[in-house]
Amino acid sequence: GHYALWGQNVHHHDISLNNLMVYKTSDGRYIGTLIEFDFSSSPSGQEHTGIVPFMAIELLMHEAIEGQVKHLYRHNTESFIWVLTWVCLHYQEGLL
C-alpha cells in the first residue's frame, strides 16, 4: 500500500510506531495499515518530519536539516526497518 501511494505522489514522511497499526481479520489473518497522513505531501523533496528514532539516518545529517537532501522512497523504507527493529527488541509474546 505504501509503495502504491508513493507512486501516486503521496509521500508519508512520518513512518513510526504510532502510525502503524495491525489488526486481525475474522478469518485469522493479520493486516497492517499505515495511518496519520497529515504530514504527507507531494514530492517537493525537502520535507523531513518524523520521530527521530525511526527516521532514516541520512535525514538526520546536517545537509538534510539545511534542506539539501531530497526525501526518497528508500528513506521511508529505512524507517519501516527501524520500526520493525524496535518492535522485535521491545515486545515479547505480544507484550511490551
Protein backbone atom coordinates (compact mmCIF):
# COMPACT_ATOMS: atom_id res chain seq x y z
CA GLY A 1 0.00 0.00 0.00
CA HIS A 2 2.78 2.42 0.90
CA TYR A 3 4.55 1.84 -2.41
CA ALA A 4 1.32 2.37 -4.36
CA LEU A 5 0.73 5.69 -2.61
CA TRP A 6 4.31 6.77 -3.25
CA GLY A 7 3.77 6.03 -6.94
CA GLN A 8 0.75 8.38 -6.85
CA ASN A 9 2.92 11.15 -5.33
CA VAL A 10 1.57 10.77 -1.79
CA HIS A 11 4.66 10.70 0.41
CA HIS A 12 4.04 9.92 4.08
CA HIS A 13 7.21 11.36 5.74
CA ASP A 14 6.40 10.02 9.23
CA ILE A 15 6.79 6.25 9.39
CA SER A 16 6.82 5.46 13.10
CA LEU A 17 5.45 3.02 15.64
CA ASN A 18 2.42 5.23 16.34
CA ASN A 19 1.50 5.43 12.65
CA LEU A 20 1.41 1.69 12.00
CA MET A 21 -1.49 -0.50 13.04
CA VAL A 22 -2.04 -4.24 12.79
CA TYR A 23 -5.41 -5.90 13.17
CA LYS A 24 -6.66 -9.47 12.98
CA THR A 25 -9.40 -10.30 10.49
CA SER A 26 -12.27 -12.65 11.21
CA ASP A 27 -10.51 -15.40 9.24
CA GLY A 28 -7.37 -15.11 11.38
CA ARG A 29 -5.15 -13.08 9.03
CA TYR A 30 -3.18 -10.09 10.24
CA ILE A 31 -3.38 -6.88 8.21
CA GLY A 32 -1.02 -3.94 8.63
CA THR A 33 -2.02 -0.41 7.78
CA LEU A 34 -0.31 2.97 7.73
CA ILE A 35 -2.26 5.85 9.30
CA GLU A 36 -1.84 9.58 10.00
CA PHE A 37 -1.28 11.09 6.59
CA ASP A 38 -1.38 14.63 7.98
CA PHE A 39 2.34 15.11 7.19
CA SER A 40 2.10 13.50 3.76
CA SER A 41 2.81 15.66 0.76
CA SER A 42 3.60 15.73 -2.90
CA PRO A 43 7.25 15.18 -3.78
CA SER A 44 8.81 18.63 -3.45
CA GLY A 45 11.61 16.73 -1.80
CA GLN A 46 12.54 18.86 1.19
CA GLU A 47 10.10 17.60 3.85
CA HIS A 48 11.90 15.93 6.73
CA THR A 49 9.44 15.23 9.52
CA GLY A 50 9.14 12.22 11.76
CA ILE A 51 10.05 10.66 15.07
CA VAL A 52 13.86 10.73 15.36
CA PRO A 53 14.45 7.08 16.43
CA PHE A 54 12.58 5.90 13.32
CA MET A 55 13.92 8.38 10.77
CA ALA A 56 16.42 7.46 8.07
CA ILE A 57 19.94 8.29 9.19
CA GLU A 58 20.61 10.41 6.09
CA LEU A 59 17.67 12.68 7.01
CA LEU A 60 19.27 13.41 10.38
CA MET A 61 22.50 14.72 8.86
CA HIS A 62 23.40 18.41 8.68
CA GLU A 63 22.77 18.59 4.91
CA ALA A 64 19.23 17.27 5.33
CA ILE A 65 18.46 19.70 8.14
CA GLU A 66 19.52 22.51 5.80
CA GLY A 67 17.15 21.17 3.13
CA GLN A 68 19.82 19.85 0.79
CA VAL A 69 18.69 16.20 0.81
CA LYS A 70 15.67 15.09 -1.18
CA HIS A 71 13.29 12.73 0.63
CA LEU A 72 13.44 9.43 -1.26
CA TYR A 73 11.46 6.20 -1.07
CA ARG A 74 14.46 4.46 0.49
CA HIS A 75 14.23 6.85 3.46
CA ASN A 76 10.73 5.59 4.25
CA THR A 77 11.89 2.01 3.72
CA GLU A 78 14.64 2.58 6.27
CA SER A 79 12.04 3.97 8.68
CA PHE A 80 10.00 0.75 8.32
CA ILE A 81 13.15 -1.23 9.16
CA TRP A 82 13.79 0.90 12.29
CA VAL A 83 10.19 0.35 13.45
CA LEU A 84 10.46 -3.40 12.88
CA THR A 85 13.76 -3.47 14.80
CA TRP A 86 12.19 -1.56 17.71
CA VAL A 87 9.20 -3.94 17.83
CA CYS A 88 11.45 -7.02 17.74
CA LEU A 89 13.59 -5.69 20.59
CA HIS A 90 10.75 -4.49 22.84
CA TYR A 91 7.89 -6.95 22.51
CA GLN A 92 7.89 -10.47 23.87
CA GLU A 93 4.88 -12.74 23.32
CA GLY A 94 2.77 -9.76 22.29
CA LEU A 95 3.55 -7.71 25.40
CA LEU A 96 5.72 -4.63 25.86
